[in-house]
Amino acid sequence: MNSETNTAPAHISNEPESTAAPHWAAYFLSRVWPYIVAISAVVVSTALSNALDIWLSVGSLTLIYLTGVLIVAMRLGLGPSLLCGVLSYAAYSYSFSLPLHTFHLASSQDWLDLGAFMVAAMITGTLASQVRSQLSVIQETARQNHQLYDFTRGIASAINREKLAELVCQHVSATLNCNTIMLFANSADHLESSASSALSKADAQAAKHCFTNRDIIRAESGWSFVPLAGSKQTLGVLGIKLSTPRATLSQNLTYLLLAMRDQAVIALERINLAAHMEQAQLLKETERLREALLSSVSHDLRTPLASIIGAATTLRDLGSELRDSQRHDLLDTVIDESSRLNRFVQNLLDMTRIGYGALKPRAAWVDLREIVGPAIRSLSNAYPEHRVTLDISDALPQVWTDAVLLERVFFNLLDNAAKYAPASKPITLTIRAEARQAPGQAIITIEDHGPGIPPAQREQVFDMFHRVQRGDTSPAGTGMGLAICRGLMLALGGNIVVQAGATTGTRMILTLPLTAAESV
């Protein structure tokens, strides 16, 4: 699933069905066990009292039984503590109160002792029950807060709706022990019908009713649907189905579900906003490129065509009246402008191939000297007044690269230097393969004496259609040359960066791997 708003698939998470109701014997033991412990406490208290009878007075032995009653009350609650109080008094009366081995309450003191046991049991049991209940609520709240924190942290990493749906369904299913489904709205603000194919027809209708009316709906099949209500519109539906057919969520779990729903809505709105911003940025960038391309085409395509048409028309209409030198000049104009037009079309094709990843270098072992020569000859034809000074290392090994693409890089860089550098100063091209400076790489440097590139724009010049603004004195160009050079160098396994020249101008530094393994 992508992050666009016109897709609306669903994600379902299934938790294993809970086991059947506990066996009647285990259930019975869980209810009776506290009373068994209370009886055991009385037995322990009686045994301990018999052991300490020779050292303690009979009245002090009641404290042993009362301690047992308090412990039972704190740990097991009111019911077991009352039973423990009654049995403790009975055991004390039978074993230590005169007359021995009877349960007869002969005096008011006996009644007071029994009352003391019962009051202690009731007060302590009630307070302990309240404390345990509050502690249980606090622990449950802490557990739910921890689950909500984990849920919020988990969905924060979601970058599209598919990942968000997966995370939401996993967390909700694990927290509530239920099946979970998440349905999204389509671009027409309707619940996508194909997304609810995992549901029955009646459940799908219930989900749509929940989406339309923004109400919590419970279907007869056990599915409950909660609307993903955003600030402006309903973004989808979250459905849960508990493992027990007629089970319902407690109030705390319902609040937890709604809290997770709210966090999911916030995350979904964030994803939708990011998608809209990305789309708007893409449209803005597309419009900018379109305008730049139209401007480039309107100027750089029409100008050589106009020159060619003008020269050809003059030759056709006035050819017999022109001197040989004039005809040669017009033919040179046709050839030069045709070459310029050919370079422009080639740049457009290279830009398209690089943009779509269709550029596949055909590498072979080549000598860089053989590539530099044709590039310099092409530059001499286009700019006969410019000179290029070569400085190539004698120990330069062959490189594994595509000679055609690398020659195009050399020419584009030399052409760019010739446009801005004065013809009175040469362009310097240096090639080195020094192990200390760049192990396993050839370093090609092209340096001119032009106006240079401002530091803030030395990376931007490699963006498509970007040109350094120099006022009306700026030479004609498309802004594609350096961008194509970097794209070609990256395709060849190398790179290109720009630096300031030694004194003035610009220095282009190319790095190219020497071995075949690094260029693959």
Protein backbone atom coordinates (compact mmCIF):
# COMPACT_ATOMS: atom_id res chain seq x y z
CA MET A 1 0.00 0.00 0.00
CA ASN A 2 1.38 3.40 -0.84
CA SER A 3 0.83 6.70 0.88
CA GLU A 4 -1.48 8.20 -1.71
CA THR A 5 -4.98 9.06 -0.66
CA ASN A 6 -6.75 7.32 -3.52
CA THR A 7 -5.94 3.83 -2.35
CA ALA A 8 -7.88 2.20 0.41
CA PRO A 9 -6.95 -1.39 1.09
CA ALA A 10 -7.54 -3.05 4.44
CA HIS A 11 -5.22 -4.77 6.85
CA ILE A 12 -6.39 -7.59 9.09
CA SER A 13 -4.63 -9.02 12.11
CA ASN A 14 -5.81 -12.29 13.61
CA GLU A 15 -5.04 -13.25 17.18
CA PRO A 16 -5.44 -16.89 18.20
CA GLU A 17 -8.77 -17.64 19.70
CA SER A 18 -8.69 -17.75 23.49
CA THR A 19 -8.98 -21.08 25.17
CA ALA A 20 -12.32 -22.36 26.39
CA ALA A 21 -13.66 -21.57 29.85
CA PRO A 22 -11.48 -23.08 32.60
CA HIS A 23 -12.33 -26.54 33.82
CA TRP A 24 -14.95 -26.62 36.58
CA ALA A 25 -12.46 -28.13 39.04
CA ALA A 26 -9.90 -25.38 38.45
CA TYR A 27 -12.63 -22.77 38.62
CA PHE A 28 -13.92 -24.25 41.88
CA LEU A 29 -10.43 -24.33 43.39
CA SER A 30 -9.82 -20.70 42.44
CA ARG A 31 -12.93 -19.72 44.42
CA VAL A 32 -12.40 -22.07 47.37
CA TRP A 33 -8.64 -21.70 47.68
CA PRO A 34 -8.73 -18.46 49.79
CA TYR A 35 -10.95 -20.19 52.37
CA ILE A 36 -8.63 -23.20 52.45
CA VAL A 37 -5.77 -20.81 53.19
CA ALA A 38 -7.86 -19.18 55.96
CA ILE A 39 -8.47 -22.58 57.58
CA SER A 40 -4.76 -23.38 57.24
CA ALA A 41 -3.93 -20.09 58.98
CA VAL A 42 -6.09 -21.15 61.94
CA VAL A 43 -4.31 -24.53 62.08
CA VAL A 44 -0.89 -22.85 62.01
CA SER A 45 -1.94 -20.34 64.68
CA THR A 46 -3.20 -23.20 66.93
CA ALA A 47 0.01 -25.19 66.50
CA LEU A 48 2.12 -22.14 67.24
CA SER A 49 0.01 -21.32 70.32
CA ASN A 50 0.40 -24.89 71.66
CA ALA A 51 4.17 -24.59 71.21
CA LEU A 52 4.34 -21.25 73.04
CA ASP A 53 1.79 -22.08 75.74
CA ILE A 54 4.46 -22.86 78.34
CA TRP A 55 6.05 -19.39 77.96
CA LEU A 56 3.06 -17.12 77.29
CA SER A 57 -0.07 -16.45 79.27
CA VAL A 58 -3.38 -17.64 77.91
CA GLY A 59 -4.48 -14.06 77.16
CA SER A 60 -1.36 -13.40 75.11
CA LEU A 61 -2.13 -16.33 72.83
CA THR A 62 -5.04 -14.39 71.35
CA LEU A 63 -2.47 -12.13 69.70
CA ILE A 64 -1.17 -15.09 67.69
CA TYR A 65 -4.66 -15.84 66.36
CA LEU A 66 -5.33 -12.15 65.76
CA THR A 67 -2.10 -11.89 63.75
CA GLY A 68 -3.27 -14.76 61.56
CA VAL A 69 -6.64 -13.06 61.05
CA LEU A 70 -4.92 -9.80 60.03
CA ILE A 71 -2.62 -11.55 57.58
CA VAL A 72 -5.55 -13.39 55.97
CA ALA A 73 -7.57 -10.18 55.83
CA MET A 74 -4.76 -8.27 54.12
CA ARG A 75 -3.98 -10.97 51.60
CA LEU A 76 -7.33 -12.64 50.85
CA GLY A 77 -10.07 -10.12 51.57
CA LEU A 78 -13.21 -9.88 53.69
CA GLY A 79 -14.84 -13.32 53.28
CA PRO A 80 -11.83 -15.50 54.13
CA SER A 81 -10.89 -13.13 56.98
CA LEU A 82 -14.34 -13.47 58.59
CA LEU A 83 -14.10 -17.26 58.36
CA CYS A 84 -10.60 -17.10 59.81
CA GLY A 85 -11.86 -14.90 62.69
CA VAL A 86 -14.69 -17.26 63.62
CA LEU A 87 -12.48 -20.36 63.39
CA SER A 88 -9.65 -18.65 65.28
CA TYR A 89 -11.92 -17.82 68.18
CA ALA A 90 -13.37 -21.33 68.11
CA ALA A 91 -9.90 -22.88 68.15
CA TYR A 92 -8.74 -20.57 70.93
CA SER A 93 -11.88 -21.25 72.99
CA TYR A 94 -11.62 -25.01 72.49
CA SER A 95 -7.89 -25.31 73.23
CA PHE A 96 -7.09 -22.65 75.79
CA SER A 97 -10.24 -21.07 77.26
CA LEU A 98 -11.82 -22.63 80.40
CA PRO A 99 -13.59 -24.92 80.40
CA LEU A 100 -11.23 -26.65 77.93
CA HIS A 101 -12.38 -28.61 74.88
CA THR A 102 -15.76 -26.87 74.67
CA PHE A 103 -17.18 -24.06 72.51
CA HIS A 104 -19.31 -22.65 75.36
CA LEU A 105 -19.31 -18.86 75.70
CA ALA A 106 -19.50 -18.72 79.50
CA SER A 107 -18.74 -15.05 80.13
CA SER A 108 -18.95 -11.58 78.63
CA GLN A 109 -15.16 -11.72 78.12
CA ASP A 110 -15.65 -14.60 75.70
CA TRP A 111 -18.13 -12.55 73.73
CA LEU A 112 -15.71 -9.61 73.72
CA ASP A 113 -12.91 -11.83 72.43
CA LEU A 114 -15.13 -13.13 69.64
CA GLY A 115 -16.21 -9.60 68.80
CA ALA A 116 -12.59 -8.44 68.72
CA PHE A 117 -11.72 -11.19 66.25
CA MET A 118 -14.70 -10.33 64.04
CA VAL A 119 -14.18 -6.55 64.12
CA ALA A 120 -10.47 -6.93 63.38
CA ALA A 121 -11.28 -9.24 60.53
CA MET A 122 -13.98 -6.94 59.10
CA ILE A 123 -12.00 -3.70 59.37
CA THR A 124 -8.72 -5.14 58.13
CA GLY A 125 -10.39 -7.18 55.39
CA THR A 126 -12.37 -4.19 54.11
CA LEU A 127 -9.35 -1.88 54.13
CA ALA A 128 -7.15 -4.50 52.53
CA SER A 129 -9.77 -5.13 49.85
CA GLN A 130 -9.95 -1.42 49.08
CA VAL A 131 -6.16 -1.15 48.97
CA ARG A 132 -5.91 -4.15 46.64
CA SER A 133 -8.64 -2.74 44.44
CA GLN A 134 -6.88 0.63 44.22
CA LEU A 135 -3.56 -1.07 43.61
CA SER A 136 -5.15 -3.15 40.88
CA VAL A 137 -6.56 -0.01 39.26
CA ILE A 138 -3.17 1.72 39.47
CA GLN A 139 -1.39 -1.29 38.00
CA GLU A 140 -3.98 -1.61 35.23
CA THR A 141 -3.70 2.12 34.46
CA ALA A 142 0.10 1.89 34.39
CA ARG A 143 -0.10 -1.15 32.11
CA GLN A 144 -2.50 0.61 29.75
CA ASN A 145 -0.36 3.75 29.73
CA HIS A 146 2.66 1.62 28.89
CA GLN A 147 0.72 -0.11 26.11
CA LEU A 148 -0.46 3.25 24.78
CA TYR A 149 3.11 4.57 24.89
CA ASP A 150 4.39 1.53 22.99
CA PHE A 151 1.55 1.93 20.52
CA THR A 152 2.25 5.64 19.95
CA ARG A 153 5.98 5.04 19.60
CA GLY A 154 5.35 2.17 17.18
CA ILE A 155 3.04 4.03 14.81
CA ALA A 156 5.31 7.09 14.84
CA SER A 157 7.65 5.19 12.50
CA ALA A 158 4.91 4.51 9.94
CA ILE A 159 5.63 6.31 6.67
CA ASN A 160 2.62 5.10 4.70
CA ARG A 161 -0.89 3.82 5.31
CA GLU A 162 0.03 0.18 4.75
CA LYS A 163 2.64 0.24 7.51
CA LEU A 164 0.31 2.19 9.80
CA ALA A 165 -2.49 -0.35 9.32
CA GLU A 166 -0.10 -3.22 10.03
CA LEU A 167 1.17 -1.64 13.26
CA VAL A 168 -2.27 -0.59 14.49
CA CYS A 169 -3.77 -4.02 13.90
CA GLN A 170 -0.84 -5.76 15.60
CA HIS A 171 -0.98 -3.57 18.71
CA VAL A 172 -4.76 -3.60 19.06
CA SER A 173 -4.96 -7.37 18.53
CA ALA A 174 -2.22 -8.03 21.10
CA THR A 175 -3.71 -5.62 23.65
CA LEU A 176 -7.36 -6.67 23.43
CA ASN A 177 -6.86 -10.29 22.32
CA CYS A 178 -9.09 -9.81 19.29
CA ASN A 179 -9.18 -9.82 15.51
CA THR A 180 -8.60 -6.37 14.02
CA ILE A 181 -9.28 -4.83 10.62
CA MET A 182 -8.50 -1.33 9.36
CA LEU A 183 -10.37 0.16 6.40
CA PHE A 184 -9.48 3.43 4.69
CA ALA A 185 -11.46 6.01 2.76
CA ASN A 186 -10.86 6.51 -0.94
CA SER A 187 -10.37 9.81 -2.76
CA ALA A 188 -14.15 10.30 -3.01
CA ASP A 189 -14.51 10.22 0.80
CA HIS A 190 -16.28 6.85 0.68
CA LEU A 191 -15.25 3.62 2.34
CA GLU A 192 -13.62 1.53 -0.35
CA SER A 193 -15.89 -1.39 -1.09
CA SER A 194 -13.07 -3.64 -2.28
CA ALA A 195 -11.25 -3.05 1.00
CA SER A 196 -14.05 -4.66 3.00
CA SER A 197 -14.03 -7.90 0.98
CA ALA A 198 -12.67 -9.73 4.03
CA LEU A 199 -15.95 -9.02 5.82
CA SER A 200 -19.37 -10.49 5.26
CA LYS A 201 -21.97 -8.39 3.49
CA ALA A 202 -23.71 -7.49 6.75
CA ASP A 203 -20.41 -6.58 8.42
CA ALA A 204 -19.39 -4.47 5.42
CA GLN A 205 -22.70 -2.60 5.64
CA ALA A 206 -22.12 -2.02 9.35
CA ALA A 207 -18.63 -0.66 8.61
CA LYS A 208 -20.03 1.71 5.98
CA HIS A 209 -22.74 2.85 8.40
CA CYS A 210 -20.04 3.55 10.99
CA PHE A 211 -18.01 5.48 8.42
CA THR A 212 -20.96 7.54 7.20
CA ASN A 213 -22.50 8.38 10.58
CA ARG A 214 -19.25 8.49 12.60
CA ASP A 215 -20.82 6.23 15.24
CA ILE A 216 -19.54 3.13 16.99
CA ILE A 217 -21.45 0.20 15.49
CA ARG A 218 -21.64 -3.39 16.76
CA ALA A 219 -22.66 -6.01 14.21
CA GLU A 220 -24.53 -9.20 15.05
CA SER A 221 -21.49 -11.28 14.04
CA GLY A 222 -19.43 -9.77 16.86
CA TRP A 223 -17.53 -7.15 14.86
CA SER A 224 -17.43 -3.67 16.41
CA PHE A 225 -16.50 -0.73 14.20
CA VAL A 226 -15.02 2.55 15.44
CA PRO A 227 -14.77 5.54 13.07
CA LEU A 228 -11.37 7.06 12.38
CA ALA A 229 -12.75 10.58 12.64
CA GLY A 230 -10.25 13.26 11.66
CA SER A 231 -10.50 16.98 12.21
CA LYS A 232 -12.23 17.56 8.87
CA GLN A 233 -13.40 14.19 7.61
CA THR A 234 -13.68 10.52 8.44
CA LEU A 235 -10.49 8.81 7.31
CA GLY A 236 -11.58 5.21 7.72
CA VAL A 237 -12.89 2.58 10.14
CA LEU A 238 -11.19 0.43 12.76
CA GLY A 239 -12.93 -2.91 13.43
CA ILE A 240 -12.37 -5.38 16.27
CA LYS A 241 -13.87 -8.79 17.00
CA LEU A 242 -13.35 -10.29 20.44
CA SER A 243 -12.47 -13.96 20.69
CA THR A 244 -15.54 -14.68 22.86
CA PRO A 245 -18.73 -14.25 20.76
CA ARG A 246 -20.82 -12.19 23.21
CA ALA A 247 -17.99 -10.64 25.18
CA THR A 248 -17.78 -6.89 25.66
CA LEU A 249 -14.91 -4.62 26.55
CA SER A 250 -14.60 -3.21 30.04
CA GLN A 251 -14.79 0.53 30.51
CA ASN A 252 -11.03 0.82 30.90
CA LEU A 253 -10.33 -1.22 27.78
CA THR A 254 -12.90 0.82 25.86
CA TYR A 255 -11.08 4.00 26.86
CA LEU A 256 -7.80 2.39 25.83
CA LEU A 257 -9.24 1.42 22.44
CA LEU A 258 -10.50 4.96 21.85
CA ALA A 259 -7.11 6.38 22.89
CA MET A 260 -5.34 4.10 20.40
CA ARG A 261 -7.91 5.09 17.77
CA ASP A 262 -7.16 8.78 18.40
CA GLN A 263 -3.41 8.19 18.09
CA ALA A 264 -3.98 6.24 14.87
CA VAL A 265 -6.04 9.15 13.47
CA ILE A 266 -3.25 11.60 14.29
CA ALA A 267 -0.69 9.35 12.58
CA LEU A 268 -2.97 8.89 9.57
CA GLU A 269 -3.49 12.65 9.22
CA ARG A 270 0.27 13.10 9.43
CA ILE A 271 0.82 10.55 6.66
CA ASN A 272 -1.87 12.12 4.47
CA LEU A 273 -0.43 15.59 5.04
CA ALA A 274 3.06 14.36 4.16
CA ALA A 275 1.68 12.74 1.00
CA HIS A 276 -0.11 15.94 0.00
CA MET A 277 3.01 18.02 0.67
CA GLU A 278 5.12 15.58 -1.32
CA GLN A 279 2.65 15.70 -4.18
CA ALA A 280 2.53 19.49 -4.07
CA GLN A 281 6.33 19.64 -4.03
CA LEU A 282 6.46 17.20 -6.93
CA LEU A 283 3.99 19.30 -8.92
CA LYS A 284 5.96 22.44 -8.10
CA GLU A 285 9.22 20.81 -9.16
CA THR A 286 7.61 19.42 -12.30
CA GLU A 287 6.27 22.85 -13.18
CA ARG A 288 9.69 24.40 -12.59
CA LEU A 289 11.38 21.81 -14.79
CA ARG A 290 8.71 22.24 -17.44
CA GLU A 291 9.18 25.99 -17.52
CA ALA A 292 12.96 25.60 -17.60
CA LEU A 293 12.76 23.04 -20.37
CA LEU A 294 10.36 25.17 -22.43
CA SER A 295 12.58 28.19 -21.95
CA SER A 296 15.63 26.16 -22.90
CA VAL A 297 13.95 24.61 -25.92
CA SER A 298 12.51 27.92 -27.08
CA HIS A 299 15.95 29.54 -27.01
CA ASP A 300 18.56 26.84 -27.53
CA LEU A 301 16.55 24.95 -30.12
CA ARG A 302 15.18 27.87 -32.09
CA THR A 303 18.44 29.84 -32.20
CA PRO A 304 20.51 27.26 -34.13
CA LEU A 305 17.51 26.42 -36.30
CA ALA A 306 17.07 30.08 -37.19
CA SER A 307 20.75 30.33 -38.06
CA ILE A 308 20.61 27.18 -40.17
CA ILE A 309 17.47 28.31 -41.97
CA GLY A 310 18.93 31.76 -42.59
CA ALA A 311 22.21 30.42 -43.96
CA ALA A 312 20.46 27.80 -46.10
CA THR A 313 17.99 30.35 -47.48
CA THR A 314 20.80 32.74 -48.36
CA LEU A 315 22.67 29.98 -50.16
CA ARG A 316 19.56 28.98 -52.06
CA ASP A 317 18.48 32.46 -53.10
CA LEU A 318 21.82 34.23 -53.50
CA GLY A 319 24.23 31.37 -53.99
CA SER A 320 25.31 32.45 -57.48
CA GLU A 321 25.93 36.02 -56.34
CA LEU A 322 28.10 35.14 -53.34
CA ARG A 323 31.86 34.85 -53.29
CA ASP A 324 33.43 31.50 -52.40
CA SER A 325 34.52 32.79 -49.00
CA GLN A 326 30.98 33.91 -48.21
CA ARG A 327 29.55 30.56 -49.21
CA HIS A 328 32.11 28.80 -47.03
CA ASP A 329 31.19 31.04 -44.09
CA LEU A 330 27.52 30.23 -44.52
CA LEU A 331 28.27 26.52 -44.77
CA ASP A 332 30.42 26.77 -41.62
CA THR A 333 27.48 28.42 -39.90
CA VAL A 334 25.20 25.55 -40.93
CA ILE A 335 27.72 22.98 -39.68
CA ASP A 336 28.42 24.78 -36.40
CA GLU A 337 24.79 25.39 -35.59
CA SER A 338 23.91 21.81 -36.57
CA SER A 339 26.62 20.55 -34.19
CA ARG A 340 25.26 22.83 -31.49
CA LEU A 341 21.76 21.53 -32.12
CA ASN A 342 23.04 17.94 -32.07
CA ARG A 343 24.72 18.53 -28.68
CA PHE A 344 21.51 20.02 -27.29
CA VAL A 345 19.43 17.04 -28.45
CA GLN A 346 22.07 14.66 -27.08
CA ASN A 347 21.92 16.42 -23.71
CA LEU A 348 18.15 16.05 -23.67
CA LEU A 349 18.45 12.35 -24.42
CA ASP A 350 21.13 11.89 -21.74
CA MET A 351 19.00 13.76 -19.23
CA THR A 352 16.04 11.48 -19.97
CA ARG A 353 18.10 8.30 -19.78
CA ILE A 354 19.71 9.36 -16.48
CA GLY A 355 16.36 10.38 -14.99
CA TYR A 356 14.76 7.03 -15.80
CA GLY A 357 17.79 4.93 -14.88
CA ALA A 358 18.10 3.64 -18.45
CA LEU A 359 21.76 4.56 -18.81
CA LYS A 360 23.84 1.36 -19.02
CA PRO A 361 27.59 1.94 -19.47
CA ARG A 362 29.47 -0.36 -21.85
CA ALA A 363 32.76 -0.56 -20.01
CA ALA A 364 36.07 -1.71 -21.41
CA TRP A 365 39.76 -1.15 -20.73
CA VAL A 366 40.64 2.20 -22.29
CA ASP A 367 43.50 4.70 -22.25
CA LEU A 368 42.35 8.11 -21.01
CA ARG A 369 44.68 9.79 -23.55
CA GLU A 370 42.57 8.31 -26.34
CA ILE A 371 39.43 9.81 -24.81
CA VAL A 372 40.87 13.26 -24.14
CA GLY A 373 42.00 13.74 -27.76
CA PRO A 374 38.55 13.58 -29.46
CA ALA A 375 37.05 15.80 -26.74
CA ILE A 376 39.69 18.49 -27.34
CA ARG A 377 39.23 18.30 -31.12
CA SER A 378 35.47 18.76 -30.69
CA LEU A 379 36.15 21.77 -28.47
CA SER A 380 38.52 23.25 -31.06
CA ASN A 381 35.81 23.00 -33.70
CA ALA A 382 33.31 24.78 -31.46
CA TYR A 383 35.76 27.28 -29.92
CA PRO A 384 38.81 27.58 -32.21
CA GLU A 385 40.18 30.53 -30.24
CA HIS A 386 40.55 28.53 -27.00
CA ARG A 387 43.61 26.49 -26.09
CA VAL A 388 43.82 23.43 -23.81
CA THR A 389 46.98 22.59 -21.87
CA LEU A 390 47.45 18.88 -21.08
CA ASP A 391 49.30 17.47 -18.09
CA ILE A 392 48.95 13.67 -18.10
CA SER A 393 51.01 11.34 -15.92
CA ASP A 394 53.36 9.04 -17.83
CA ALA A 395 52.55 6.13 -15.51
CA LEU A 396 48.81 6.41 -16.03
CA PRO A 397 47.26 2.92 -16.27
CA GLN A 398 44.25 2.00 -18.32
CA VAL A 399 40.83 2.38 -16.73
CA TRP A 400 37.69 0.24 -16.91
CA THR A 401 35.04 2.63 -18.22
CA ASP A 402 32.75 3.58 -21.09
CA ALA A 403 34.83 5.67 -23.49
CA VAL A 404 31.83 7.26 -25.24
CA LEU A 405 30.19 8.47 -22.03
CA LEU A 406 33.48 9.68 -20.54
CA GLU A 407 34.32 11.60 -23.73
CA ARG A 408 30.93 13.30 -23.44
CA VAL A 409 31.76 14.29 -19.86
CA PHE A 410 35.13 15.73 -20.94
CA PHE A 411 33.59 17.72 -23.76
CA ASN A 412 30.76 19.11 -21.61
CA LEU A 413 33.23 20.27 -18.98
CA LEU A 414 35.59 21.77 -21.58
CA ASP A 415 32.65 23.40 -23.32
CA ASN A 416 31.45 24.86 -20.02
CA ALA A 417 34.94 26.21 -19.26
CA ALA A 418 35.28 27.75 -22.74
CA LYS A 419 31.96 29.58 -22.35
CA TYR A 420 33.09 31.48 -19.26
CA ALA A 421 36.90 31.61 -19.49
CA PRO A 422 38.73 34.22 -21.58
CA ALA A 423 40.31 32.90 -24.76
CA SER A 424 43.60 34.54 -23.82
CA LYS A 425 44.23 32.06 -21.01
CA PRO A 426 44.38 28.30 -21.59
CA ILE A 427 42.16 25.65 -20.03
CA THR A 428 44.24 23.13 -18.06
CA LEU A 429 43.40 19.41 -18.11
CA THR A 430 45.38 17.25 -15.67
CA ILE A 431 45.17 13.48 -15.21
CA ARG A 432 46.88 11.69 -12.31
CA ALA A 433 46.74 8.27 -10.68
CA GLU A 434 48.47 8.80 -7.34
CA ALA A 435 48.14 6.06 -4.75
CA ARG A 436 48.65 8.43 -1.83
CA GLN A 437 46.02 10.97 -2.82
CA ALA A 438 43.29 8.60 -4.04
CA PRO A 439 44.19 4.89 -3.97
CA GLY A 440 42.75 2.92 -6.87
CA GLN A 441 41.38 6.01 -8.63
CA ALA A 442 42.29 8.27 -11.50
CA ILE A 443 41.92 11.99 -10.80
CA ILE A 444 41.03 14.28 -13.71
CA THR A 445 41.16 18.04 -13.14
CA ILE A 446 39.82 20.66 -15.56
CA GLU A 447 40.65 24.22 -14.51
CA ASP A 448 39.79 27.52 -16.18
CA HIS A 449 40.39 31.22 -15.47
CA GLY A 450 36.81 32.39 -15.66
CA PRO A 451 34.76 34.28 -13.03
CA GLY A 452 34.37 31.16 -10.85
CA ILE A 453 31.36 29.78 -9.01
CA PRO A 454 30.19 31.22 -5.66
CA PRO A 455 30.75 28.76 -2.77
CA ALA A 456 27.02 28.65 -1.97
CA GLN A 457 26.24 27.41 -5.50
CA ARG A 458 29.03 24.89 -5.99
CA GLU A 459 26.68 21.99 -5.28
CA GLN A 460 23.61 23.56 -6.86
CA VAL A 461 25.29 23.81 -10.28
CA PHE A 462 24.82 20.04 -10.57
CA ASP A 463 21.03 20.41 -10.33
CA MET A 464 19.08 20.18 -13.56
CA PHE A 465 18.58 23.57 -15.28
CA HIS A 466 20.44 25.46 -12.57
CA ARG A 467 22.62 28.29 -13.86
CA VAL A 468 24.75 30.81 -12.01
CA GLN A 469 23.16 34.20 -12.52
CA ARG A 470 25.64 36.68 -13.99
CA GLY A 471 23.30 39.30 -15.42
CA ASP A 472 23.16 40.11 -19.11
CA THR A 473 26.76 38.99 -19.65
CA SER A 474 25.93 35.34 -18.97
CA PRO A 475 26.50 33.17 -22.06
CA ALA A 476 23.71 31.09 -23.52
CA GLY A 477 23.17 27.67 -22.04
CA THR A 478 20.58 25.17 -20.87
CA GLY A 479 21.79 24.41 -17.35
CA MET A 480 21.92 20.70 -18.17
CA GLY A 481 25.61 20.17 -18.86
CA LEU A 482 26.99 19.81 -15.34
CA ALA A 483 23.96 17.83 -14.17
CA ILE A 484 24.51 15.39 -17.02
CA CYS A 485 28.22 15.20 -16.22
CA ARG A 486 27.54 14.18 -12.64
CA GLY A 487 24.89 11.66 -13.74
CA LEU A 488 27.30 10.10 -16.23
CA MET A 489 30.16 10.01 -13.70
CA LEU A 490 27.97 8.31 -11.11
CA ALA A 491 26.89 5.78 -13.73
CA LEU A 492 30.58 5.10 -14.43
CA GLY A 493 31.28 4.55 -10.72
CA GLY A 494 33.02 7.88 -10.19
CA ASN A 495 32.06 11.36 -9.06
CA ILE A 496 32.60 15.04 -9.81
CA VAL A 497 33.01 18.00 -7.48
CA VAL A 498 33.73 21.69 -8.02
CA GLN A 499 36.34 23.82 -6.27
CA ALA A 500 37.80 27.27 -6.67
CA GLY A 501 40.76 27.60 -9.02
CA ALA A 502 44.31 28.15 -7.83
CA THR A 503 44.07 31.91 -8.47
CA THR A 504 40.79 32.57 -10.28
CA GLY A 505 38.20 30.54 -12.13
CA THR A 506 36.83 27.07 -11.46
CA ARG A 507 38.40 23.67 -10.92
CA MET A 508 36.37 20.57 -11.79
CA ILE A 509 37.72 17.41 -10.12
CA LEU A 510 36.64 14.01 -11.47
CA THR A 511 37.44 10.69 -9.77
CA LEU A 512 37.22 7.44 -11.69
CA PRO A 513 37.96 3.88 -10.45
CA LEU A 514 40.90 2.15 -12.10
CA THR A 515 39.71 -1.43 -11.61
CA ALA A 516 36.80 -3.27 -13.16
CA ALA A 517 35.49 -4.53 -9.82
CA GLU A 518 34.93 -1.05 -8.47
CA SER A 519 33.11 0.17 -11.53
CA VAL A 520 30.53 -2.59 -11.59
